[in-house]
Amino acid sequence: MKRILRIGIPILVILLAAILWWRFFFVFGEGVKAGNLNFIVKKGYVFKTWEGRLIQTGFKTPSPGGMQSNEFDFSVANDSIGGVLEHCSGKSVELRYKEYLHTLPWRGMSNYVVYEVIKVSDASPATLLPF
């Protein structure tokens, strides 16, 4: 019985650690999103993280015949990147992000975590109109 416990407990601990890593720390995807920064706020009860929304050009329709704007909700765990984005509200930005399978309280409320600001430019109304 002791031999089974001596072998079984470490295997169980390793298996549990692997599952937790895969569920919360495995990077499912990386990418770049571009659009107009709608807002960014710092919020949270215990862990203060930056939460923001990017409005992308084009339309996404969840149902046939409907129309909805393309919105990208994201989190920023790094205060320096959050501070940069705080001064970019309403501007056109390009953001590099990582997609995780699940959220962690200190990482933010979104599965998408921005870790780099690639480019910031002014969004002029003439470039946004289709005609």
N, C-alpha and C. Protein backbone atom coordinates (compact mmCIF):
# COMPACT_ATOMS: atom_id res chain seq x y z
N MET A 1 0.83 -1.20 0.00
CA MET A 1 0.00 0.00 0.00
C MET A 1 0.86 1.25 0.00
N LYS A 2 1.97 1.23 0.79
CA LYS A 2 2.86 2.39 0.83
C LYS A 2 3.51 2.62 -0.52
N ARG A 3 3.82 1.54 -1.21
CA ARG A 3 4.46 1.67 -2.52
C ARG A 3 3.51 2.33 -3.52
N ILE A 4 2.25 1.97 -3.48
CA ILE A 4 1.26 2.57 -4.37
C ILE A 4 1.12 4.06 -4.08
N LEU A 5 1.09 4.43 -2.81
CA LEU A 5 0.99 5.85 -2.45
C LEU A 5 2.26 6.60 -2.84
N ARG A 6 3.41 5.98 -2.67
CA ARG A 6 4.68 6.62 -3.02
C ARG A 6 4.79 6.88 -4.52
N ILE A 7 4.22 6.04 -5.32
CA ILE A 7 4.25 6.21 -6.78
C ILE A 7 3.04 7.02 -7.25
N GLY A 8 1.89 6.76 -6.68
CA GLY A 8 0.65 7.38 -7.14
C GLY A 8 0.54 8.86 -6.85
N ILE A 9 0.98 9.28 -5.65
CA ILE A 9 0.85 10.70 -5.28
C ILE A 9 1.72 11.60 -6.18
N PRO A 10 3.00 11.28 -6.44
CA PRO A 10 3.76 12.14 -7.36
C PRO A 10 3.18 12.18 -8.78
N ILE A 11 2.68 11.04 -9.24
CA ILE A 11 2.06 11.03 -10.57
C ILE A 11 0.81 11.90 -10.59
N LEU A 12 0.01 11.84 -9.54
CA LEU A 12 -1.19 12.66 -9.43
C LEU A 12 -0.83 14.15 -9.37
N VAL A 13 0.21 14.49 -8.62
CA VAL A 13 0.65 15.90 -8.52
C VAL A 13 1.14 16.40 -9.87
N ILE A 14 1.93 15.61 -10.57
CA ILE A 14 2.43 15.99 -11.89
C ILE A 14 1.29 16.14 -12.88
N LEU A 15 0.34 15.23 -12.84
CA LEU A 15 -0.82 15.30 -13.73
C LEU A 15 -1.66 16.55 -13.45
N LEU A 16 -1.89 16.84 -12.18
CA LEU A 16 -2.64 18.03 -11.80
C LEU A 16 -1.92 19.32 -12.22
N ALA A 17 -0.60 19.37 -12.04
CA ALA A 17 0.18 20.53 -12.47
C ALA A 17 0.11 20.72 -13.98
N ALA A 18 0.17 19.64 -14.74
CA ALA A 18 0.09 19.73 -16.20
C ALA A 18 -1.28 20.23 -16.64
N ILE A 19 -2.33 19.76 -16.01
CA ILE A 19 -3.68 20.21 -16.35
C ILE A 19 -3.86 21.69 -16.03
N LEU A 20 -3.38 22.12 -14.87
CA LEU A 20 -3.48 23.54 -14.49
C LEU A 20 -2.68 24.42 -15.44
N TRP A 21 -1.47 23.97 -15.82
CA TRP A 21 -0.67 24.74 -16.77
C TRP A 21 -1.39 24.85 -18.11
N TRP A 22 -1.90 23.77 -18.61
CA TRP A 22 -2.58 23.78 -19.90
C TRP A 22 -3.82 24.67 -19.86
N ARG A 23 -4.53 24.63 -18.77
CA ARG A 23 -5.79 25.38 -18.67
C ARG A 23 -5.58 26.87 -18.50
N PHE A 24 -4.57 27.31 -17.76
CA PHE A 24 -4.41 28.72 -17.43
C PHE A 24 -3.17 29.40 -18.01
N PHE A 25 -2.12 28.67 -18.37
CA PHE A 25 -0.89 29.31 -18.82
C PHE A 25 -0.50 28.97 -20.25
N PHE A 26 -1.16 28.02 -20.87
CA PHE A 26 -0.87 27.65 -22.25
C PHE A 26 -1.37 28.75 -23.18
N VAL A 27 -0.50 29.26 -24.05
CA VAL A 27 -0.88 30.30 -25.00
C VAL A 27 -1.52 29.61 -26.20
N PHE A 28 -2.82 29.81 -26.34
CA PHE A 28 -3.59 29.16 -27.40
C PHE A 28 -3.29 29.79 -28.75
N GLY A 29 -3.08 31.11 -28.77
CA GLY A 29 -2.80 31.80 -30.02
C GLY A 29 -2.21 33.17 -29.76
N GLU A 30 -1.52 33.69 -30.77
CA GLU A 30 -0.98 35.04 -30.72
C GLU A 30 -1.38 35.75 -31.99
N GLY A 31 -1.49 37.07 -31.92
CA GLY A 31 -1.86 37.80 -33.12
C GLY A 31 -1.78 39.29 -32.94
N VAL A 32 -2.24 39.99 -33.98
CA VAL A 32 -2.26 41.44 -34.00
C VAL A 32 -3.67 41.87 -34.38
N LYS A 33 -4.19 42.85 -33.66
CA LYS A 33 -5.50 43.44 -33.99
C LYS A 33 -5.29 44.93 -34.19
N ALA A 34 -6.01 45.50 -35.14
CA ALA A 34 -5.93 46.94 -35.42
C ALA A 34 -7.34 47.50 -35.44
N GLY A 35 -7.46 48.72 -34.94
CA GLY A 35 -8.75 49.40 -34.93
C GLY A 35 -8.68 50.64 -34.08
N ASN A 36 -9.84 51.23 -33.83
CA ASN A 36 -9.91 52.42 -33.00
C ASN A 36 -10.12 52.02 -31.55
N LEU A 37 -9.31 52.60 -30.67
CA LEU A 37 -9.42 52.29 -29.25
C LEU A 37 -10.64 53.01 -28.69
N ASN A 38 -11.62 52.24 -28.26
CA ASN A 38 -12.87 52.81 -27.73
C ASN A 38 -12.68 53.29 -26.31
N PHE A 39 -12.18 52.42 -25.44
CA PHE A 39 -11.91 52.81 -24.06
C PHE A 39 -10.90 51.87 -23.44
N ILE A 40 -10.28 52.35 -22.36
CA ILE A 40 -9.43 51.52 -21.52
C ILE A 40 -9.57 52.02 -20.09
N VAL A 41 -9.84 51.11 -19.17
CA VAL A 41 -10.04 51.47 -17.77
C VAL A 41 -9.24 50.51 -16.89
N LYS A 42 -8.85 51.00 -15.72
CA LYS A 42 -8.18 50.15 -14.74
C LYS A 42 -9.19 49.81 -13.67
N LYS A 43 -9.44 48.51 -13.50
CA LYS A 43 -10.45 48.13 -12.53
C LYS A 43 -10.13 46.77 -11.93
N GLY A 44 -10.82 46.47 -10.83
CA GLY A 44 -10.66 45.21 -10.15
C GLY A 44 -10.74 45.41 -8.65
N TYR A 45 -11.23 44.42 -7.94
CA TYR A 45 -11.35 44.51 -6.49
C TYR A 45 -10.00 44.31 -5.80
N VAL A 46 -9.32 43.25 -6.12
CA VAL A 46 -8.04 42.94 -5.48
C VAL A 46 -6.90 43.18 -6.46
N PHE A 47 -6.99 42.60 -7.64
CA PHE A 47 -5.97 42.75 -8.67
C PHE A 47 -6.45 43.78 -9.67
N LYS A 48 -5.77 44.92 -9.75
CA LYS A 48 -6.13 45.99 -10.68
C LYS A 48 -5.50 45.70 -12.03
N THR A 49 -6.34 45.50 -13.03
CA THR A 49 -5.86 45.27 -14.39
C THR A 49 -6.55 46.26 -15.32
N TRP A 50 -5.96 46.46 -16.45
CA TRP A 50 -6.52 47.34 -17.47
C TRP A 50 -7.43 46.53 -18.38
N GLU A 51 -8.62 47.03 -18.62
CA GLU A 51 -9.58 46.38 -19.52
C GLU A 51 -9.93 47.38 -20.61
N GLY A 52 -9.95 46.92 -21.86
CA GLY A 52 -10.21 47.84 -22.97
C GLY A 52 -11.01 47.20 -24.07
N ARG A 53 -11.40 48.07 -25.02
CA ARG A 53 -12.17 47.61 -26.18
C ARG A 53 -11.63 48.32 -27.42
N LEU A 54 -11.46 47.54 -28.47
CA LEU A 54 -11.00 48.02 -29.76
C LEU A 54 -12.13 47.83 -30.76
N ILE A 55 -12.48 48.90 -31.47
CA ILE A 55 -13.52 48.81 -32.50
C ILE A 55 -12.81 48.65 -33.84
N GLN A 56 -13.06 47.53 -34.50
CA GLN A 56 -12.44 47.24 -35.78
C GLN A 56 -13.36 47.65 -36.92
N THR A 57 -12.77 47.93 -38.07
CA THR A 57 -13.59 48.28 -39.22
C THR A 57 -14.29 47.04 -39.74
N GLY A 58 -15.42 47.24 -40.37
CA GLY A 58 -16.20 46.13 -40.89
C GLY A 58 -17.33 45.77 -39.96
N PHE A 59 -18.11 44.81 -40.36
CA PHE A 59 -19.26 44.40 -39.58
C PHE A 59 -19.26 42.89 -39.40
N LYS A 60 -19.74 42.47 -38.26
CA LYS A 60 -19.84 41.05 -37.94
C LYS A 60 -21.32 40.77 -37.68
N THR A 61 -21.85 39.75 -38.29
CA THR A 61 -23.26 39.45 -38.10
C THR A 61 -23.41 38.10 -37.40
N PRO A 62 -23.85 38.09 -36.14
CA PRO A 62 -24.08 36.82 -35.46
C PRO A 62 -25.29 36.08 -36.00
N SER A 63 -26.23 36.81 -36.58
CA SER A 63 -27.40 36.19 -37.18
C SER A 63 -27.60 36.76 -38.57
N PRO A 64 -28.12 35.99 -39.51
CA PRO A 64 -28.34 36.49 -40.86
C PRO A 64 -29.28 37.70 -40.86
N GLY A 65 -28.88 38.72 -41.61
CA GLY A 65 -29.71 39.91 -41.70
C GLY A 65 -29.44 40.94 -40.63
N GLY A 66 -28.64 40.60 -39.63
CA GLY A 66 -28.32 41.54 -38.56
C GLY A 66 -27.04 42.29 -38.86
N MET A 67 -26.78 43.32 -38.06
CA MET A 67 -25.56 44.10 -38.22
C MET A 67 -25.02 44.46 -36.84
N GLN A 68 -23.74 44.27 -36.66
CA GLN A 68 -23.12 44.55 -35.38
C GLN A 68 -21.67 44.97 -35.65
N SER A 69 -21.16 45.90 -34.86
CA SER A 69 -19.77 46.31 -35.06
C SER A 69 -18.82 45.23 -34.56
N ASN A 70 -17.63 45.24 -35.11
CA ASN A 70 -16.60 44.27 -34.75
C ASN A 70 -15.85 44.80 -33.54
N GLU A 71 -16.06 44.23 -32.38
CA GLU A 71 -15.43 44.70 -31.16
C GLU A 71 -14.48 43.65 -30.62
N PHE A 72 -13.35 44.11 -30.11
CA PHE A 72 -12.32 43.23 -29.55
C PHE A 72 -12.08 43.67 -28.12
N ASP A 73 -12.56 42.88 -27.15
CA ASP A 73 -12.34 43.17 -25.73
C ASP A 73 -11.04 42.51 -25.30
N PHE A 74 -10.22 43.26 -24.55
CA PHE A 74 -8.92 42.74 -24.16
C PHE A 74 -8.56 43.21 -22.75
N SER A 75 -7.54 42.57 -22.20
CA SER A 75 -6.98 42.93 -20.90
C SER A 75 -5.51 43.29 -21.08
N VAL A 76 -5.00 44.13 -20.16
CA VAL A 76 -3.59 44.49 -20.14
C VAL A 76 -3.13 44.31 -18.70
N ALA A 77 -2.15 43.45 -18.48
CA ALA A 77 -1.64 43.22 -17.13
C ALA A 77 -0.49 44.16 -16.79
N ASN A 78 0.19 44.70 -17.79
CA ASN A 78 1.35 45.55 -17.60
C ASN A 78 0.91 47.02 -17.47
N ASP A 79 1.29 47.68 -16.37
CA ASP A 79 0.88 49.06 -16.14
C ASP A 79 1.47 50.04 -17.14
N SER A 80 2.67 49.80 -17.63
CA SER A 80 3.27 50.73 -18.59
C SER A 80 2.51 50.71 -19.92
N ILE A 81 2.09 49.54 -20.37
CA ILE A 81 1.31 49.46 -21.61
C ILE A 81 -0.08 50.06 -21.40
N GLY A 82 -0.67 49.82 -20.24
CA GLY A 82 -1.96 50.44 -19.93
C GLY A 82 -1.87 51.95 -19.90
N GLY A 83 -0.78 52.50 -19.38
CA GLY A 83 -0.59 53.95 -19.36
C GLY A 83 -0.45 54.53 -20.75
N VAL A 84 0.25 53.82 -21.64
CA VAL A 84 0.38 54.27 -23.03
C VAL A 84 -0.98 54.28 -23.70
N LEU A 85 -1.75 53.20 -23.52
CA LEU A 85 -3.06 53.12 -24.16
C LEU A 85 -4.05 54.11 -23.57
N GLU A 86 -3.84 54.52 -22.33
CA GLU A 86 -4.74 55.48 -21.69
C GLU A 86 -4.74 56.82 -22.43
N HIS A 87 -3.62 57.15 -23.05
CA HIS A 87 -3.51 58.41 -23.79
C HIS A 87 -3.88 58.25 -25.26
N CYS A 88 -4.33 57.07 -25.67
CA CYS A 88 -4.61 56.80 -27.08
C CYS A 88 -6.10 56.59 -27.36
N SER A 89 -6.97 56.96 -26.45
CA SER A 89 -8.40 56.73 -26.65
C SER A 89 -8.88 57.50 -27.88
N GLY A 90 -9.60 56.82 -28.75
CA GLY A 90 -10.11 57.42 -29.98
C GLY A 90 -9.14 57.36 -31.14
N LYS A 91 -7.93 56.92 -30.92
CA LYS A 91 -6.93 56.84 -31.98
C LYS A 91 -6.90 55.43 -32.56
N SER A 92 -6.31 55.33 -33.73
CA SER A 92 -6.14 54.04 -34.38
C SER A 92 -4.87 53.39 -33.83
N VAL A 93 -5.01 52.17 -33.34
CA VAL A 93 -3.87 51.46 -32.73
C VAL A 93 -3.76 50.05 -33.30
N GLU A 94 -2.54 49.52 -33.24
CA GLU A 94 -2.28 48.12 -33.55
C GLU A 94 -1.72 47.48 -32.30
N LEU A 95 -2.34 46.39 -31.88
CA LEU A 95 -1.98 45.74 -30.62
C LEU A 95 -1.58 44.29 -30.86
N ARG A 96 -0.52 43.86 -30.20
CA ARG A 96 -0.10 42.45 -30.25
C ARG A 96 -0.62 41.78 -28.97
N TYR A 97 -1.25 40.62 -29.12
CA TYR A 97 -1.89 39.98 -27.97
C TYR A 97 -1.62 38.48 -27.95
N LYS A 98 -1.88 37.90 -26.77
CA LYS A 98 -1.85 36.45 -26.58
C LYS A 98 -3.24 36.01 -26.16
N GLU A 99 -3.66 34.87 -26.67
CA GLU A 99 -4.95 34.31 -26.30
C GLU A 99 -4.73 33.09 -25.40
N TYR A 100 -5.35 33.14 -24.22
CA TYR A 100 -5.29 32.03 -23.28
C TYR A 100 -6.63 31.32 -23.25
N LEU A 101 -6.65 30.08 -22.76
CA LEU A 101 -7.89 29.32 -22.71
C LEU A 101 -8.83 29.81 -21.61
N HIS A 102 -8.26 30.26 -20.48
CA HIS A 102 -9.06 30.75 -19.36
C HIS A 102 -8.37 31.96 -18.73
N THR A 103 -9.12 32.71 -17.94
CA THR A 103 -8.59 33.91 -17.31
C THR A 103 -8.02 33.61 -15.93
N LEU A 104 -7.16 34.50 -15.49
CA LEU A 104 -6.64 34.50 -14.13
C LEU A 104 -6.89 35.89 -13.55
N PRO A 105 -7.18 36.02 -12.26
CA PRO A 105 -7.53 37.34 -11.70
C PRO A 105 -6.45 38.40 -11.89
N TRP A 106 -5.19 38.04 -11.81
CA TRP A 106 -4.12 39.02 -11.92
C TRP A 106 -3.76 39.31 -13.38
N ARG A 107 -4.35 38.56 -14.32
CA ARG A 107 -4.07 38.77 -15.73
C ARG A 107 -5.18 39.55 -16.42
N GLY A 108 -6.36 39.61 -15.81
CA GLY A 108 -7.46 40.37 -16.40
C GLY A 108 -8.70 39.54 -16.55
N MET A 109 -9.75 40.19 -17.05
CA MET A 109 -11.05 39.54 -17.18
C MET A 109 -11.29 38.96 -18.57
N SER A 110 -10.35 39.11 -19.48
CA SER A 110 -10.50 38.63 -20.84
C SER A 110 -9.48 37.54 -21.14
N ASN A 111 -9.81 36.68 -22.09
CA ASN A 111 -8.87 35.65 -22.53
C ASN A 111 -7.76 36.25 -23.38
N TYR A 112 -7.98 37.46 -23.91
CA TYR A 112 -7.02 38.13 -24.78
C TYR A 112 -6.23 39.13 -23.94
N VAL A 113 -4.90 38.95 -23.89
CA VAL A 113 -4.04 39.81 -23.08
C VAL A 113 -3.06 40.52 -24.02
N VAL A 114 -3.14 41.85 -24.05
CA VAL A 114 -2.27 42.66 -24.89
C VAL A 114 -0.93 42.82 -24.17
N TYR A 115 0.16 42.58 -24.90
CA TYR A 115 1.48 42.73 -24.30
C TYR A 115 2.38 43.68 -25.08
N GLU A 116 1.89 44.27 -26.19
CA GLU A 116 2.71 45.21 -26.94
C GLU A 116 1.81 46.13 -27.78
N VAL A 117 2.18 47.41 -27.82
CA VAL A 117 1.53 48.37 -28.71
C VAL A 117 2.47 48.55 -29.89
N ILE A 118 2.01 48.18 -31.07
CA ILE A 118 2.86 48.25 -32.26
C ILE A 118 2.87 49.65 -32.85
N LYS A 119 1.67 50.21 -33.06
CA LYS A 119 1.58 51.49 -33.74
C LYS A 119 0.37 52.26 -33.23
N VAL A 120 0.53 53.58 -33.13
CA VAL A 120 -0.56 54.49 -32.76
C VAL A 120 -0.59 55.58 -33.79
N SER A 121 -1.76 55.84 -34.36
CA SER A 121 -1.91 56.94 -35.32
C SER A 121 -3.28 57.58 -35.13
N ASP A 122 -3.38 58.84 -35.54
CA ASP A 122 -4.66 59.54 -35.44
C ASP A 122 -5.63 58.98 -36.48
N ALA A 123 -6.85 58.78 -36.06
CA ALA A 123 -7.89 58.29 -36.97
C ALA A 123 -8.62 59.51 -37.52
N SER A 124 -8.34 59.84 -38.76
CA SER A 124 -9.01 61.00 -39.35
C SER A 124 -10.35 60.57 -39.93
N PRO A 125 -11.39 61.40 -39.83
CA PRO A 125 -12.71 61.00 -40.33
C PRO A 125 -12.72 60.72 -41.82
N ALA A 126 -11.84 61.35 -42.59
CA ALA A 126 -11.84 61.13 -44.04
C ALA A 126 -11.44 59.70 -44.39
N THR A 127 -10.56 59.10 -43.60
CA THR A 127 -10.11 57.75 -43.92
C THR A 127 -11.11 56.70 -43.46
N LEU A 128 -12.03 57.06 -42.58
CA LEU A 128 -12.98 56.10 -42.07
C LEU A 128 -14.24 55.98 -42.93
N LEU A 129 -14.51 56.99 -43.75
CA LEU A 129 -15.71 56.96 -44.58
C LEU A 129 -15.47 56.11 -45.83
N PRO A 130 -16.46 55.33 -46.25
CA PRO A 130 -16.27 54.47 -47.41
C PRO A 130 -16.38 55.22 -48.74
N PHE A 131 -16.76 56.48 -48.74
CA PHE A 131 -16.90 57.22 -50.01
C PHE A 131 -16.15 58.51 -49.98
